[in-house]
Amino acid sequence: MSEPLTLDTLTFDRLVIIICVCALASSSLTQVVKSIFKTRGLSDAGIRRPLLRAVSVILGGSFGYSVGGFTQLGAIIGIGAGSLTTFVVAQIRAKIKASTQEKEDF
């Protein structure tokens, strides 16, 4: 078992591992929750996006807490990774949507 996660023991490698694990797990499980929302009829509801973002942040924080050795610093890193994941996915989708609309214009 590695030593507890603190600012003194946080290395770049460990930080990258925590961020990647939290981001991937958060993104994957958020897609599962998204499909559950679709089956429940929440696919077009206005509350769906905020709920999915909240789920992503909560899952990221949970994974960060567990991967980071059950420390608050791990949870904070995980929350950041979950938030970053929602932002990156939104930006990628916006670019894809913009590029498909440009193709339809021609």
N, C-alpha and C. Protein backbone atom coordinates (compact mmCIF):
# COMPACT_ATOMS: atom_id res chain seq x y z
N MET A 1 0.84 -1.18 0.00
CA MET A 1 0.00 0.00 0.00
C MET A 1 0.89 1.24 0.00
N SER A 2 0.55 2.19 -0.82
CA SER A 2 1.32 3.42 -0.88
C SER A 2 0.93 4.33 0.28
N GLU A 3 1.78 5.32 0.51
CA GLU A 3 1.52 6.24 1.60
C GLU A 3 0.34 7.14 1.26
N PRO A 4 -0.30 7.73 2.27
CA PRO A 4 -1.48 8.57 2.02
C PRO A 4 -1.16 9.74 1.09
N LEU A 5 -2.14 10.13 0.35
CA LEU A 5 -1.97 11.20 -0.62
C LEU A 5 -2.02 12.56 0.08
N THR A 6 -0.92 13.28 0.02
CA THR A 6 -0.83 14.64 0.52
C THR A 6 -0.10 15.46 -0.54
N LEU A 7 -0.04 16.74 -0.34
CA LEU A 7 0.70 17.57 -1.29
C LEU A 7 2.18 17.22 -1.31
N ASP A 8 2.71 16.71 -0.19
CA ASP A 8 4.12 16.33 -0.13
C ASP A 8 4.39 15.02 -0.87
N THR A 9 3.42 14.10 -0.87
CA THR A 9 3.62 12.80 -1.50
C THR A 9 3.05 12.72 -2.91
N LEU A 10 2.41 13.78 -3.37
CA LEU A 10 1.79 13.79 -4.69
C LEU A 10 2.86 13.97 -5.77
N THR A 11 3.07 12.96 -6.57
CA THR A 11 4.01 13.06 -7.69
C THR A 11 3.21 13.28 -8.96
N PHE A 12 3.90 13.68 -10.00
CA PHE A 12 3.23 13.93 -11.28
C PHE A 12 2.60 12.64 -11.80
N ASP A 13 3.31 11.52 -11.71
CA ASP A 13 2.78 10.24 -12.19
C ASP A 13 1.50 9.87 -11.45
N ARG A 14 1.51 10.03 -10.15
CA ARG A 14 0.34 9.68 -9.36
C ARG A 14 -0.84 10.61 -9.68
N LEU A 15 -0.55 11.88 -9.89
CA LEU A 15 -1.59 12.83 -10.25
C LEU A 15 -2.23 12.47 -11.59
N VAL A 16 -1.41 12.13 -12.57
CA VAL A 16 -1.92 11.76 -13.89
C VAL A 16 -2.77 10.49 -13.81
N ILE A 17 -2.32 9.52 -13.03
CA ILE A 17 -3.08 8.27 -12.88
C ILE A 17 -4.45 8.56 -12.26
N ILE A 18 -4.47 9.36 -11.21
CA ILE A 18 -5.74 9.67 -10.55
C ILE A 18 -6.67 10.42 -11.50
N ILE A 19 -6.15 11.41 -12.20
CA ILE A 19 -6.98 12.18 -13.12
C ILE A 19 -7.53 11.29 -14.23
N CYS A 20 -6.68 10.45 -14.82
CA CYS A 20 -7.14 9.60 -15.93
C CYS A 20 -8.18 8.58 -15.47
N VAL A 21 -7.93 7.93 -14.35
CA VAL A 21 -8.88 6.93 -13.86
C VAL A 21 -10.22 7.60 -13.53
N CYS A 22 -10.17 8.73 -12.86
CA CYS A 22 -11.41 9.43 -12.50
C CYS A 22 -12.16 9.91 -13.73
N ALA A 23 -11.44 10.47 -14.69
CA ALA A 23 -12.10 10.98 -15.89
C ALA A 23 -12.73 9.86 -16.70
N LEU A 24 -12.00 8.77 -16.88
CA LEU A 24 -12.54 7.65 -17.67
C LEU A 24 -13.72 6.99 -16.97
N ALA A 25 -13.59 6.75 -15.68
CA ALA A 25 -14.68 6.10 -14.95
C ALA A 25 -15.91 7.01 -14.91
N SER A 26 -15.68 8.28 -14.66
CA SER A 26 -16.78 9.24 -14.61
C SER A 26 -17.50 9.32 -15.94
N SER A 27 -16.75 9.41 -17.01
CA SER A 27 -17.35 9.50 -18.34
C SER A 27 -18.13 8.24 -18.69
N SER A 28 -17.54 7.09 -18.42
CA SER A 28 -18.19 5.82 -18.74
C SER A 28 -19.48 5.63 -17.96
N LEU A 29 -19.43 5.85 -16.67
CA LEU A 29 -20.62 5.65 -15.86
C LEU A 29 -21.68 6.71 -16.12
N THR A 30 -21.27 7.90 -16.51
CA THR A 30 -22.23 8.93 -16.87
C THR A 30 -23.00 8.52 -18.13
N GLN A 31 -22.34 7.85 -19.06
CA GLN A 31 -23.03 7.36 -20.25
C GLN A 31 -24.08 6.31 -19.88
N VAL A 32 -23.78 5.49 -18.88
CA VAL A 32 -24.76 4.51 -18.40
C VAL A 32 -25.96 5.22 -17.80
N VAL A 33 -25.70 6.23 -16.97
CA VAL A 33 -26.80 6.99 -16.37
C VAL A 33 -27.60 7.71 -17.45
N LYS A 34 -26.92 8.19 -18.48
CA LYS A 34 -27.60 8.87 -19.59
C LYS A 34 -28.57 7.92 -20.28
N SER A 35 -28.15 6.68 -20.50
CA SER A 35 -29.06 5.72 -21.14
C SER A 35 -30.24 5.38 -20.23
N ILE A 36 -30.02 5.37 -18.93
CA ILE A 36 -31.13 5.15 -18.00
C ILE A 36 -32.10 6.32 -18.07
N PHE A 37 -31.59 7.54 -18.16
CA PHE A 37 -32.46 8.70 -18.30
C PHE A 37 -33.30 8.61 -19.57
N LYS A 38 -32.71 8.12 -20.66
CA LYS A 38 -33.46 8.00 -21.91
C LYS A 38 -34.60 7.01 -21.78
N THR A 39 -34.37 5.90 -21.09
CA THR A 39 -35.43 4.90 -20.94
C THR A 39 -36.53 5.40 -20.00
N ARG A 40 -36.19 6.32 -19.12
CA ARG A 40 -37.18 6.87 -18.18
C ARG A 40 -37.91 8.09 -18.74
N GLY A 41 -37.57 8.48 -19.95
CA GLY A 41 -38.26 9.61 -20.56
C GLY A 41 -37.67 10.97 -20.23
N LEU A 42 -36.45 11.00 -19.72
CA LEU A 42 -35.81 12.27 -19.39
C LEU A 42 -34.84 12.73 -20.47
N SER A 43 -34.93 12.16 -21.68
CA SER A 43 -33.95 12.49 -22.72
C SER A 43 -34.08 13.93 -23.19
N ASP A 44 -35.28 14.49 -23.18
CA ASP A 44 -35.47 15.86 -23.65
C ASP A 44 -35.78 16.83 -22.52
N ALA A 45 -35.79 16.35 -21.29
CA ALA A 45 -36.12 17.22 -20.17
C ALA A 45 -35.00 18.23 -19.95
N GLY A 46 -35.37 19.43 -19.52
CA GLY A 46 -34.40 20.48 -19.30
C GLY A 46 -33.47 20.23 -18.14
N ILE A 47 -33.85 19.33 -17.26
CA ILE A 47 -33.03 19.05 -16.08
C ILE A 47 -31.98 17.97 -16.36
N ARG A 48 -32.05 17.35 -17.53
CA ARG A 48 -31.15 16.23 -17.83
C ARG A 48 -29.69 16.65 -17.83
N ARG A 49 -29.34 17.74 -18.49
CA ARG A 49 -27.93 18.16 -18.57
C ARG A 49 -27.34 18.48 -17.21
N PRO A 50 -28.02 19.28 -16.39
CA PRO A 50 -27.44 19.54 -15.07
C PRO A 50 -27.31 18.27 -14.22
N LEU A 51 -28.28 17.38 -14.34
CA LEU A 51 -28.18 16.12 -13.60
C LEU A 51 -27.00 15.28 -14.07
N LEU A 52 -26.80 15.20 -15.37
CA LEU A 52 -25.67 14.42 -15.88
C LEU A 52 -24.34 15.04 -15.46
N ARG A 53 -24.26 16.35 -15.46
CA ARG A 53 -23.02 17.00 -15.02
C ARG A 53 -22.78 16.76 -13.54
N ALA A 54 -23.84 16.82 -12.75
CA ALA A 54 -23.70 16.55 -11.31
C ALA A 54 -23.27 15.11 -11.07
N VAL A 55 -23.86 14.18 -11.82
CA VAL A 55 -23.47 12.77 -11.69
C VAL A 55 -22.00 12.59 -12.05
N SER A 56 -21.55 13.24 -13.10
CA SER A 56 -20.16 13.13 -13.51
C SER A 56 -19.20 13.65 -12.44
N VAL A 57 -19.53 14.78 -11.85
CA VAL A 57 -18.69 15.36 -10.81
C VAL A 57 -18.68 14.48 -9.56
N ILE A 58 -19.85 13.98 -9.18
CA ILE A 58 -19.93 13.13 -7.99
C ILE A 58 -19.17 11.83 -8.20
N LEU A 59 -19.32 11.23 -9.37
CA LEU A 59 -18.58 10.00 -9.66
C LEU A 59 -17.08 10.24 -9.70
N GLY A 60 -16.67 11.35 -10.31
CA GLY A 60 -15.26 11.69 -10.34
C GLY A 60 -14.69 11.86 -8.94
N GLY A 61 -15.42 12.55 -8.09
CA GLY A 61 -14.99 12.73 -6.71
C GLY A 61 -14.92 11.43 -5.94
N SER A 62 -15.88 10.55 -6.18
CA SER A 62 -15.89 9.25 -5.51
C SER A 62 -14.70 8.40 -5.92
N PHE A 63 -14.44 8.36 -7.22
CA PHE A 63 -13.29 7.59 -7.68
C PHE A 63 -11.98 8.22 -7.21
N GLY A 64 -11.91 9.54 -7.20
CA GLY A 64 -10.71 10.21 -6.71
C GLY A 64 -10.46 9.92 -5.25
N TYR A 65 -11.53 9.88 -4.47
CA TYR A 65 -11.42 9.56 -3.05
C TYR A 65 -10.87 8.16 -2.85
N SER A 66 -11.37 7.20 -3.63
CA SER A 66 -10.91 5.82 -3.46
C SER A 66 -9.54 5.58 -4.06
N VAL A 67 -9.29 6.12 -5.24
CA VAL A 67 -7.98 5.92 -5.89
C VAL A 67 -6.90 6.71 -5.16
N GLY A 68 -7.26 7.85 -4.60
CA GLY A 68 -6.31 8.70 -3.89
C GLY A 68 -6.04 8.27 -2.46
N GLY A 69 -6.42 7.07 -2.11
CA GLY A 69 -6.14 6.56 -0.77
C GLY A 69 -7.10 7.06 0.28
N PHE A 70 -8.34 7.31 -0.11
CA PHE A 70 -9.40 7.75 0.80
C PHE A 70 -9.00 9.05 1.52
N THR A 71 -8.52 10.00 0.71
CA THR A 71 -8.13 11.29 1.25
C THR A 71 -8.95 12.40 0.59
N GLN A 72 -9.00 13.54 1.24
CA GLN A 72 -9.74 14.68 0.69
C GLN A 72 -9.08 15.21 -0.56
N LEU A 73 -7.77 15.16 -0.61
CA LEU A 73 -7.06 15.62 -1.80
C LEU A 73 -7.42 14.77 -3.02
N GLY A 74 -7.54 13.47 -2.82
CA GLY A 74 -7.97 12.59 -3.91
C GLY A 74 -9.36 12.93 -4.40
N ALA A 75 -10.25 13.25 -3.46
CA ALA A 75 -11.61 13.62 -3.84
C ALA A 75 -11.62 14.92 -4.63
N ILE A 76 -10.80 15.88 -4.21
CA ILE A 76 -10.74 17.16 -4.92
C ILE A 76 -10.21 16.97 -6.34
N ILE A 77 -9.18 16.15 -6.48
CA ILE A 77 -8.63 15.86 -7.81
C ILE A 77 -9.68 15.15 -8.66
N GLY A 78 -10.41 14.22 -8.07
CA GLY A 78 -11.46 13.51 -8.79
C GLY A 78 -12.60 14.41 -9.22
N ILE A 79 -12.98 15.35 -8.37
CA ILE A 79 -14.03 16.30 -8.73
C ILE A 79 -13.57 17.14 -9.91
N GLY A 80 -12.32 17.56 -9.89
CA GLY A 80 -11.78 18.31 -11.02
C GLY A 80 -11.77 17.50 -12.29
N ALA A 81 -11.42 16.23 -12.19
CA ALA A 81 -11.40 15.35 -13.37
C ALA A 81 -12.81 15.13 -13.91
N GLY A 82 -13.78 14.94 -13.02
CA GLY A 82 -15.17 14.79 -13.46
C GLY A 82 -15.69 16.03 -14.14
N SER A 83 -15.34 17.20 -13.59
CA SER A 83 -15.75 18.47 -14.19
C SER A 83 -15.09 18.67 -15.55
N LEU A 84 -13.82 18.36 -15.62
CA LEU A 84 -13.08 18.50 -16.87
C LEU A 84 -13.66 17.58 -17.95
N THR A 85 -14.06 16.39 -17.55
CA THR A 85 -14.64 15.44 -18.49
C THR A 85 -15.91 16.00 -19.11
N THR A 86 -16.79 16.57 -18.30
CA THR A 86 -18.04 17.11 -18.84
C THR A 86 -17.75 18.27 -19.79
N PHE A 87 -16.76 19.09 -19.45
CA PHE A 87 -16.42 20.23 -20.31
C PHE A 87 -15.85 19.75 -21.64
N VAL A 88 -14.93 18.80 -21.60
CA VAL A 88 -14.29 18.30 -22.83
C VAL A 88 -15.33 17.62 -23.73
N VAL A 89 -16.18 16.80 -23.15
CA VAL A 89 -17.20 16.12 -23.95
C VAL A 89 -18.14 17.15 -24.58
N ALA A 90 -18.53 18.18 -23.85
CA ALA A 90 -19.41 19.21 -24.41
C ALA A 90 -18.73 19.95 -25.56
N GLN A 91 -17.44 20.25 -25.42
CA GLN A 91 -16.72 20.95 -26.48
C GLN A 91 -16.58 20.08 -27.73
N ILE A 92 -16.28 18.82 -27.54
CA ILE A 92 -16.14 17.91 -28.68
C ILE A 92 -17.48 17.77 -29.41
N ARG A 93 -18.54 17.61 -28.66
CA ARG A 93 -19.86 17.48 -29.29
C ARG A 93 -20.25 18.74 -30.05
N ALA A 94 -19.91 19.90 -29.49
CA ALA A 94 -20.22 21.16 -30.18
C ALA A 94 -19.45 21.26 -31.49
N LYS A 95 -18.20 20.86 -31.50
CA LYS A 95 -17.40 20.90 -32.73
C LYS A 95 -17.93 19.91 -33.76
N ILE A 96 -18.32 18.73 -33.32
CA ILE A 96 -18.88 17.74 -34.25
C ILE A 96 -20.19 18.26 -34.84
N LYS A 97 -21.03 18.84 -33.99
CA LYS A 97 -22.31 19.37 -34.46
C LYS A 97 -22.09 20.51 -35.46
N ALA A 98 -21.12 21.36 -35.17
CA ALA A 98 -20.81 22.48 -36.08
C ALA A 98 -20.27 21.97 -37.42
N SER A 99 -19.44 20.96 -37.38
CA SER A 99 -18.88 20.44 -38.65
C SER A 99 -19.94 19.72 -39.47
N THR A 100 -20.89 19.04 -38.84
CA THR A 100 -21.95 18.38 -39.60
C THR A 100 -22.92 19.41 -40.18
N GLN A 101 -23.14 20.50 -39.48
CA GLN A 101 -24.02 21.53 -40.01
C GLN A 101 -23.38 22.24 -41.20
N GLU A 102 -22.06 22.41 -41.18
CA GLU A 102 -21.37 23.02 -42.31
C GLU A 102 -21.48 22.13 -43.54
N LYS A 103 -21.39 20.82 -43.37
CA LYS A 103 -21.50 19.89 -44.50
C LYS A 103 -22.90 19.89 -45.08
N GLU A 104 -23.91 20.07 -44.22
CA GLU A 104 -25.29 20.08 -44.69
C GLU A 104 -25.59 21.36 -45.47
N ASP A 105 -24.88 22.43 -45.17
CA ASP A 105 -25.10 23.69 -45.88
C ASP A 105 -24.68 23.62 -47.35
N PHE A 106 -23.72 22.77 -47.65
CA PHE A 106 -23.24 22.67 -49.03
C PHE A 106 -24.11 21.83 -49.84
